[in-house]
Protein backbone atom coordinates (compact mmCIF):
# COMPACT_ATOMS: atom_id res chain seq x y z
CA MET A 1 -20.46 -25.51 -22.48
CA GLN A 2 -17.62 -23.76 -22.76
CA ARG A 3 -15.58 -26.51 -25.12
CA GLU A 4 -18.38 -26.34 -27.54
CA TRP A 5 -18.51 -22.48 -27.04
CA VAL A 6 -14.94 -22.58 -28.23
CA ALA A 7 -15.83 -25.21 -30.93
CA ARG A 8 -18.19 -22.72 -32.61
CA ARG A 9 -16.43 -20.04 -32.27
CA GLU A 10 -13.81 -21.93 -34.63
CA GLN A 11 -16.64 -23.05 -37.44
CA GLU A 12 -17.72 -19.25 -37.52
CA ARG A 13 -14.86 -18.63 -39.81
CA GLU A 14 -13.34 -21.13 -42.64
CA ARG A 15 -10.01 -21.90 -42.24
CA ASP A 16 -7.57 -19.76 -45.03
CA ASN A 17 -4.44 -20.34 -46.13
CA ARG A 18 -3.07 -17.04 -45.17
CA VAL A 19 -4.99 -14.23 -42.61
CA GLN A 20 -3.38 -10.54 -41.90
CA CYS A 21 -1.20 -10.27 -39.12
CA ALA A 22 -2.24 -7.76 -36.51
CA GLN A 23 1.17 -6.86 -35.80
CA CYS A 24 2.49 -5.91 -39.10
CA LYS A 25 -0.28 -5.91 -41.23
CA GLY A 26 1.00 -8.27 -44.00
CA TRP A 27 0.01 -11.90 -45.07
CA ALA A 28 1.08 -14.71 -42.79
CA ARG A 29 0.31 -18.30 -44.05
CA PHE A 30 -1.47 -21.22 -42.44
CA PHE A 31 1.17 -23.42 -40.23
CA GLY A 32 -0.69 -26.14 -39.61
CA GLY A 33 -2.97 -26.75 -36.09
CA ARG A 34 -1.88 -26.13 -32.94
CA GLU A 35 -3.08 -27.34 -29.37
CA ARG A 36 -3.70 -25.06 -26.74
CA ARG A 37 -4.22 -25.49 -22.93
CA VAL A 38 -5.45 -22.70 -20.64
CA MET A 39 -6.65 -22.91 -17.13
CA THR A 40 -10.46 -21.23 -17.16
CA ARG A 41 -12.80 -20.82 -14.48
CA HIS A 42 -14.15 -23.96 -15.02
CA GLY A 43 -11.15 -25.90 -14.82
CA GLU A 44 -8.50 -26.63 -17.95
CA LEU A 45 -9.80 -26.36 -21.45
CA HIS A 46 -8.00 -28.08 -23.96
CA PHE A 47 -8.53 -27.55 -27.81
CA THR A 48 -6.47 -27.34 -30.93
CA ARG A 49 -6.71 -24.34 -33.10
CA PRO A 50 -5.23 -23.01 -36.92
CA TYR A 51 -1.96 -21.28 -36.46
CA TYR A 52 -0.28 -18.72 -38.82
CA HIS A 53 3.23 -17.47 -39.13
CA CYS A 54 3.87 -13.86 -40.89
CA PRO A 55 7.34 -14.17 -42.60
CA ALA A 56 7.68 -10.26 -42.58
CA CYS A 57 7.99 -9.83 -38.73
CA ARG A 58 8.60 -13.38 -38.31
CA ALA A 59 5.27 -13.63 -35.61
CA GLY A 60 3.41 -16.44 -35.38
CA PHE A 61 -0.24 -16.01 -34.03
CA ALA A 62 -3.67 -17.90 -33.37
CA PRO A 63 -6.53 -15.66 -34.80
CA LEU A 64 -8.81 -17.98 -32.15
CA ASP A 65 -7.10 -16.66 -29.28
CA GLN A 66 -7.44 -13.35 -30.53
CA ARG A 67 -11.25 -13.80 -31.24
CA LEU A 68 -11.31 -15.35 -27.62
CA GLY A 69 -9.25 -12.79 -25.63
CA LEU A 70 -6.80 -14.96 -24.62
CA ASP A 71 -3.09 -13.96 -24.62
CA GLY A 72 0.27 -15.52 -23.78
CA HIS A 73 -0.20 -16.71 -20.25
CA ALA A 74 -1.90 -20.31 -19.46
CA THR A 75 -4.64 -18.71 -17.41
CA THR A 76 -7.39 -16.28 -18.14
CA PRO A 77 -7.45 -12.45 -16.94
CA LYS A 78 -10.51 -14.00 -14.21
CA VAL A 79 -8.37 -16.83 -12.68
CA ARG A 80 -5.72 -14.21 -12.69
CA ALA A 81 -8.14 -11.22 -10.90
CA TRP A 82 -9.36 -14.78 -8.73
CA LEU A 83 -5.72 -15.75 -7.66
CA ALA A 84 -4.59 -12.05 -6.87
CA ASP A 85 -7.19 -11.10 -4.85
CA LEU A 86 -6.94 -14.61 -2.59
CA GLY A 87 -2.74 -14.07 -2.70
CA SER A 88 -3.38 -10.71 -1.16
CA GLU A 89 -5.25 -12.12 1.64
CA ALA A 90 -3.55 -15.33 2.28
CA ALA A 91 -0.15 -17.60 1.91
CA PHE A 92 0.29 -18.20 -1.71
CA GLU A 93 -0.13 -22.14 -1.09
CA THR A 94 -3.39 -21.22 0.77
CA ALA A 95 -4.31 -18.72 -2.30
CA ALA A 96 -4.00 -21.82 -4.72
CA ARG A 97 -6.34 -24.43 -2.38
CA ARG A 98 -8.71 -22.35 -1.48
CA LEU A 99 -9.41 -21.90 -5.14
CA ALA A 100 -9.45 -25.64 -5.74
CA THR A 101 -11.48 -26.21 -2.92
CA PHE A 102 -14.07 -23.64 -4.58
CA THR A 103 -13.79 -24.13 -8.26
CA ASP A 104 -12.06 -26.59 -10.61
CA VAL A 105 -9.09 -24.41 -10.86
CA ASP A 106 -6.13 -26.26 -9.61
CA LEU A 107 -3.01 -24.21 -9.75
CA SER A 108 0.58 -24.18 -7.93
CA GLU A 109 1.80 -22.46 -5.04
CA SER A 110 4.45 -20.70 -7.56
CA THR A 111 1.81 -19.89 -10.24
CA ALA A 112 0.13 -18.28 -7.27
CA ALA A 113 2.82 -16.57 -6.22
CA ARG A 114 3.83 -14.84 -9.78
CA ILE A 115 0.48 -14.38 -10.63
CA THR A 116 -0.45 -12.06 -7.30
CA ALA A 117 3.01 -10.30 -7.96
CA GLU A 118 2.81 -9.57 -11.36
CA VAL A 119 -1.20 -8.22 -10.45
CA GLY A 120 0.25 -6.30 -8.04
CA ARG A 121 3.51 -4.81 -10.46
CA ARG A 122 0.69 -3.89 -12.54
CA LEU A 123 -1.29 -2.07 -10.51
CA ARG A 124 1.62 -0.14 -8.53
CA ALA A 125 2.42 0.95 -12.38
CA GLU A 126 -0.57 2.60 -13.05
CA GLU A 127 -0.61 4.34 -9.49
CA LEU A 128 2.20 5.83 -10.05
CA GLU A 129 1.63 6.65 -13.98
CA GLU A 130 -1.25 8.29 -12.89
CA ALA A 131 0.15 10.21 -9.89
CA LYS A 132 2.88 11.59 -12.49
CA ARG A 133 0.18 12.79 -14.46
CA ILE A 134 -1.54 14.52 -11.66
CA LEU A 135 1.68 16.41 -10.69
CA LYS A 136 2.20 17.77 -13.99
CA GLY A 137 -1.56 19.39 -13.83
CA GLU A 138 -3.24 16.89 -16.60
CA VAL A 139 -6.72 15.74 -15.85
CA VAL A 140 -7.06 12.46 -14.27
CA PRO A 141 -10.44 10.64 -13.75
CA ARG A 142 -11.11 10.27 -9.82
CA ARG A 143 -11.08 6.85 -8.25
CA THR A 144 -13.49 7.97 -5.67
CA ASP A 145 -16.66 10.35 -5.78
CA TRP A 146 -15.81 11.81 -2.43
CA GLN A 147 -16.19 15.97 -2.00
CA PRO A 148 -14.57 15.85 1.66
CA ILE A 149 -15.66 18.76 4.15
CA ARG A 150 -12.85 17.59 6.32
CA LEU A 151 -10.01 15.31 4.82
CA TYR A 152 -7.26 13.31 6.76
CA LEU A 153 -4.02 12.43 5.60
CA SER A 154 -2.36 10.15 7.69
CA LEU A 155 1.25 9.01 6.92
CA ASP A 156 3.55 6.36 8.99
CA GLY A 157 6.11 3.32 8.24
CA THR A 158 6.26 -0.04 9.70
CA MET A 159 9.02 -3.06 9.95
CA MET A 160 8.43 -6.02 7.84
CA PRO A 161 10.64 -8.70 7.32
CA LEU A 162 12.85 -9.47 3.79
CA ARG A 163 15.70 -11.18 2.71
CA ASP A 164 18.45 -10.51 0.22
CA PRO A 165 18.24 -12.44 -3.20
CA TRP A 166 17.91 -15.84 -2.57
CA LYS A 167 16.65 -19.23 -4.21
CA ARG A 168 15.50 -22.58 -2.79
CA ASN A 169 17.72 -24.43 -4.32
CA GLY A 170 21.02 -22.75 -2.62
CA SER A 171 22.38 -21.42 -6.24
CA LEU A 172 22.57 -18.16 -4.62
CA GLY A 173 24.01 -18.79 -1.29
CA ALA A 174 22.31 -18.60 2.21
CA LEU A 175 19.41 -16.95 3.48
CA HIS A 176 19.99 -13.64 4.72
CA CYS A 177 16.90 -11.69 6.39
CA ARG A 178 16.50 -8.34 7.59
CA TYR A 179 14.08 -6.17 8.32
CA GLY A 180 12.89 -3.03 5.94
CA GLU A 181 10.53 -0.32 6.04
CA CYS A 182 6.84 -0.46 4.35
CA LYS A 183 5.45 3.14 4.34
CA ALA A 184 2.20 3.56 4.60
CA ALA A 185 -0.81 6.23 3.80
CA VAL A 186 -4.45 6.78 4.55
CA CYS A 187 -6.92 9.23 3.35
CA TYR A 188 -9.86 9.04 5.68
CA GLU A 189 -13.16 11.46 6.29
CA THR A 190 -15.11 11.39 9.54
CA LYS A 191 -18.50 11.93 10.61
CA PRO A 192 -20.35 12.03 14.51
CA ASP A 193 -21.67 9.64 16.12
CA PRO A 194 -24.72 9.66 18.12
CA ARG A 195 -22.64 11.51 20.73
CA GLY A 196 -21.20 14.18 18.22
CA LYS A 197 -17.66 12.14 18.64
CA PRO A 198 -16.20 11.92 14.99
CA VAL A 199 -15.74 8.92 14.12
CA VAL A 200 -14.14 7.30 10.29
CA ALA A 201 -16.81 7.12 7.98
CA ARG A 202 -14.55 5.60 4.71
CA ARG A 203 -10.92 5.36 4.19
CA GLN A 204 -8.09 4.56 1.12
CA TYR A 205 -4.85 3.32 1.60
CA THR A 206 -1.81 3.25 0.02
CA ALA A 207 1.26 1.60 0.88
CA THR A 208 5.11 0.61 -0.82
CA LEU A 209 8.46 -0.64 0.35
CA GLU A 210 9.78 1.71 -2.40
CA PRO A 211 11.95 4.49 -1.44
CA VAL A 212 10.24 8.08 -0.28
CA GLU A 213 10.58 9.30 -3.73
CA THR A 214 8.41 6.84 -4.97
CA PHE A 215 6.38 7.05 -1.64
CA GLU A 216 5.45 10.83 -1.96
CA LYS A 217 4.13 10.32 -5.68
CA LEU A 218 1.65 7.82 -4.47
CA VAL A 219 0.43 9.90 -1.49
CA ALA A 220 -0.30 12.64 -3.63
CA GLY A 221 -2.02 10.41 -5.94
CA LEU A 222 -3.98 9.13 -3.21
CA ALA A 223 -4.94 12.70 -1.58
CA TYR A 224 -5.61 13.54 -5.60
CA HIS A 225 -8.19 10.49 -5.36
CA CYS A 226 -10.07 11.16 -2.46
CA GLY A 227 -10.73 15.09 -3.02
CA SER A 228 -8.12 17.16 -1.38
CA ASP A 229 -7.84 19.74 -4.02
CA GLN A 230 -11.72 20.08 -3.41
CA ALA A 231 -11.90 19.50 0.72
CA ARG A 232 -12.65 22.80 2.95
CA GLU A 233 -10.24 21.22 5.00
CA LEU A 234 -7.08 19.30 4.68
CA THR A 235 -5.47 17.84 7.87
CA VAL A 236 -2.27 16.07 7.71
CA LEU A 237 -1.75 13.92 10.78
CA ALA A 238 1.69 12.09 11.60
CA ASP A 239 4.39 11.13 13.41
CA GLY A 240 7.82 12.87 13.58
CA LEU A 241 9.21 11.56 10.80
CA ALA A 242 10.81 14.46 8.92
CA TYR A 243 9.94 13.48 5.90
CA ASN A 244 6.37 13.06 6.41
CA TRP A 245 6.60 16.84 7.06
CA ARG A 246 8.54 17.51 3.91
CA ILE A 247 5.99 15.53 1.98
CA ALA A 248 2.96 17.42 3.62
CA ALA A 249 5.15 20.96 3.11
CA GLU A 250 5.88 20.22 -0.76
CA TYR A 251 2.45 18.64 -1.78
CA PHE A 252 -0.01 20.11 0.69
CA PRO A 253 1.21 23.69 1.90
CA GLU A 254 -2.51 24.76 2.66
CA ALA A 255 -2.98 21.69 5.04
CA LEU A 256 -2.80 21.96 8.88
CA GLN A 257 -0.19 19.75 10.45
CA ILE A 258 -1.02 17.86 13.34
CA LEU A 259 1.77 15.84 15.21
CA ASP A 260 0.59 12.57 16.84
CA PHE A 261 -0.29 13.18 20.17
CA TYR A 262 0.47 10.03 21.33
CA HIS A 263 3.72 10.00 19.92
CA ALA A 264 4.71 13.07 21.54
CA LEU A 265 4.38 11.81 24.47
CA ASP A 266 6.45 8.43 23.90
CA HIS A 267 9.00 11.06 23.51
CA LEU A 268 8.18 13.06 27.13
CA HIS A 269 8.24 9.34 28.39
CA GLN A 270 11.75 8.44 26.87
CA VAL A 271 13.34 11.48 28.38
CA ALA A 272 11.36 10.92 31.72
CA ARG A 273 12.75 7.63 32.20
CA VAL A 274 16.47 8.62 31.17
CA CYS A 275 16.22 12.14 33.24
CA LEU A 276 14.50 10.95 36.34
CA THR A 277 14.43 7.32 37.13
CA PRO A 278 18.31 7.32 38.52
CA VAL A 279 17.59 10.19 41.29
CA ALA A 280 14.01 9.55 42.04
CA ASP A 281 14.48 7.59 44.92
CA ALA A 282 17.69 9.70 46.17
CA VAL A 283 16.15 13.07 46.32
CA ALA A 284 12.59 12.14 46.58
CA ALA A 285 11.45 14.27 42.78
CA VAL A 286 8.76 13.47 40.69
CA THR A 287 8.54 10.06 39.37
CA PRO A 288 8.62 9.74 35.50
CA GLN A 289 4.95 8.95 35.32
CA ALA A 290 3.84 11.75 37.68
CA TRP A 291 5.94 14.15 35.76
CA VAL A 292 4.48 13.09 31.97
CA ALA A 293 1.24 12.92 33.43
CA ALA A 294 1.82 16.53 34.45
CA ARG A 295 3.17 17.53 30.46
CA LYS A 296 -0.01 15.75 29.23
CA GLU A 297 -2.10 17.96 31.04
CA GLU A 298 -0.31 21.10 29.72
CA LEU A 299 -0.26 19.74 26.21
CA LEU A 300 -4.00 19.90 26.00
CA ARG A 301 -4.13 23.09 27.36
CA ASP A 302 -2.08 24.51 24.48
CA GLY A 303 1.00 24.78 26.88
CA VAL A 304 3.83 24.11 24.68
CA PRO A 305 6.25 26.64 26.31
CA ALA A 306 5.40 25.35 29.88
CA VAL A 307 6.35 21.84 28.18
CA LEU A 308 9.67 22.95 27.29
CA ALA A 309 10.53 24.76 30.44
CA ALA A 310 9.87 21.67 32.44
CA LEU A 311 12.41 19.37 29.86
CA ARG A 312 14.91 22.28 30.58
CA ALA A 313 14.60 21.81 34.27
CA LEU A 314 14.75 18.08 34.01
CA PRO A 315 18.43 16.90 35.94
CA ALA A 316 20.89 15.20 33.48
CA ALA A 317 23.16 13.21 35.67
CA THR A 318 24.53 11.61 32.69
CA THR A 319 25.96 12.65 29.36
CA GLU A 320 23.32 9.92 27.60
CA ALA A 321 20.54 11.95 30.14
CA GLY A 322 21.86 15.50 28.78
CA GLU A 323 22.09 14.39 25.30
CA CYS A 324 18.55 12.91 25.69
CA ARG A 325 16.96 16.29 26.95
CA GLU A 326 18.30 18.30 24.11
CA ASP A 327 16.59 15.75 21.58
CA ALA A 328 13.54 16.27 23.44
CA ILE A 329 13.64 20.02 23.55
CA GLY A 330 14.48 20.01 19.66
CA TYR A 331 11.46 17.81 19.13
CA VAL A 332 9.21 19.96 20.68
CA GLU A 333 10.71 23.31 19.22
CA ARG A 334 10.11 22.22 15.92
CA ASN A 335 7.11 20.81 16.12
CA ALA A 336 5.27 23.26 18.75
CA GLU A 337 2.54 24.35 15.99
CA ARG A 338 1.76 20.76 15.72
CA MET A 339 1.31 20.30 18.93
CA ARG A 340 -1.59 22.83 19.58
CA TYR A 341 -3.43 19.80 20.93
CA GLY A 342 -6.29 21.88 23.16
CA THR A 343 -6.98 24.37 19.87
CA PHE A 344 -7.04 21.07 17.77
CA LEU A 345 -9.97 19.45 19.92
CA LYS A 346 -11.84 22.13 20.61
CA ALA A 347 -12.36 22.31 16.87
CA GLY A 348 -13.28 18.91 16.69
CA TYR A 349 -9.76 17.39 14.99
CA HIS A 350 -8.64 14.16 15.68
CA ILE A 351 -4.71 14.58 17.51
CA GLY A 352 -4.13 11.05 17.53
CA SER A 353 -2.81 8.51 14.31
CA GLY A 354 -4.96 5.64 15.70
CA VAL A 355 -6.39 5.43 12.31
CA MET A 356 -3.12 5.20 10.77
CA GLU A 357 -1.71 2.70 13.60
CA ALA A 358 -4.79 0.97 12.44
CA THR A 359 -3.73 1.14 9.00
CA CYS A 360 -0.67 -0.86 9.56
CA LYS A 361 -2.31 -3.88 11.21
CA LYS A 362 -4.77 -4.25 8.86
CA VAL A 363 -2.92 -3.31 5.26
CA VAL A 364 0.88 -4.50 6.43
CA HIS A 365 1.46 -7.14 9.21
CA PRO A 366 -1.74 -9.42 8.52
CA ARG A 367 0.22 -11.07 5.25
CA LEU A 368 3.91 -9.75 5.53
CA ASP A 369 4.66 -10.20 8.75
CA GLN A 370 3.90 -13.42 10.26
CA SER A 371 5.91 -16.41 11.95
CA GLY A 372 8.55 -17.48 9.83
CA MET A 373 7.97 -15.07 6.57
CA HIS A 374 10.86 -13.75 4.63
CA TRP A 375 10.20 -11.41 1.64
CA ASN A 376 11.40 -10.62 -1.82
CA PRO A 377 11.14 -6.95 -1.80
CA LYS A 378 9.71 -7.16 -5.63
CA THR A 379 7.15 -9.23 -4.55
CA ALA A 380 6.26 -7.92 -1.39
CA ASP A 381 5.73 -4.44 -2.89
CA GLY A 382 3.21 -6.39 -5.10
CA VAL A 383 1.29 -7.70 -2.63
CA VAL A 384 1.09 -4.71 -0.36
CA ALA A 385 -0.36 -2.71 -3.16
CA LEU A 386 -2.61 -5.18 -3.87
CA ARG A 387 -3.97 -5.02 -0.33
CA ALA A 388 -3.94 -1.34 -0.03
CA ASN A 389 -6.16 -1.28 -2.81
CA GLN A 390 -8.59 -4.16 -1.54
CA LEU A 391 -9.21 -2.64 1.57
CA SER A 392 -9.86 0.93 0.09
CA HIS A 393 -13.32 1.89 0.17
CA ARG A 394 -12.81 2.13 -3.61
CA PRO A 395 -10.96 -0.75 -4.74
CA ARG A 396 -9.90 -0.74 -8.43
CA LYS A 397 -10.87 -3.61 -10.38
CA LEU A 398 -8.25 -6.23 -10.61
CA ARG A 399 -9.17 -7.49 -14.22
CA ALA A 400 -7.96 -4.41 -15.48
CA TYR A 401 -4.26 -5.73 -14.94
CA CYS A 402 -4.78 -9.39 -15.79
CA HIS A 403 -5.18 -8.84 -19.77
CA GLY A 404 -2.39 -8.67 -22.16
CA TRP A 405 0.02 -10.74 -20.53
CA SER A 406 3.00 -12.41 -22.49
């Protein structure tokens, strides 16, 4: 049926000796018949169509390709969208095999990798372009219909395996692997469950391996599409990384800032292990676990001053212990306003970044941090852009990024 349809499209117009060039509007001359092979959703299609050459701009083209919506690539936009979706979920070899299993589309692993990375690159480029327009104050159609009452924005980073420039044939030398940071953000709303406890209702993601300067623009775009400028309350919930709070202060100055409760406890556990463990048996001092438990209760009662006093009272038998204690004191002092956990809990706020931790485990690790993996950074960024999109409550349609390929 598809072949018959293509043949009829060709018969709709008589073959002309010349046609108007789509680029320069000059007259292109008939240059004979050219065979075209393209992988469609129904399998590989072979057909011959008239081909024309424009002497003015030296461009060659086939009018039938334009009428069929075909570009210079050997696959149709639908096949590319399928492959990008599958390639964001599983290894490229698995994506190609699954596509061949359920359709007549049989493509190679390398083709799956190239298409997936390119769709992700185009998706990322549009996200960044929209973010730049939003930051300039231009009107950009929102991607969601959210009208949030209390909107959370959570930021974090996670490590994933990367590689330096390398080719399988060894032409670029030996393989050198390393770890790099994938920065991620999630916007989410909550609703009360039957017991009145706030639970996540919906969420939108973004993630990138690009520098912080790129990440912050993606975060601004993500928040805008989720209605951050319309929300009655905006809350930024993150760990202690300095760039998280710089982004919050620069782009969301009206937002309430909350330091992840469990990240704060991790710092207290660290200083307690260093300062208390060496002397616990000698002087029958309190154990690190008991000391942290007491500080936890103080934090839940807005007792930051009490926590600071307890930190300053810690013994420092070594230089390392003294430095660790001073670092912890500085950490608590810098984040004191973000650690009013008793007040936050009474107002019904989340104080833990469990949603953000789940984001890293859901968006990044299942696809990009598995045994034996090492990624080209550009390919990895395209794949993580796709995963963040596909797992969001309101994903963008991938087919929009599958047209006009050369």
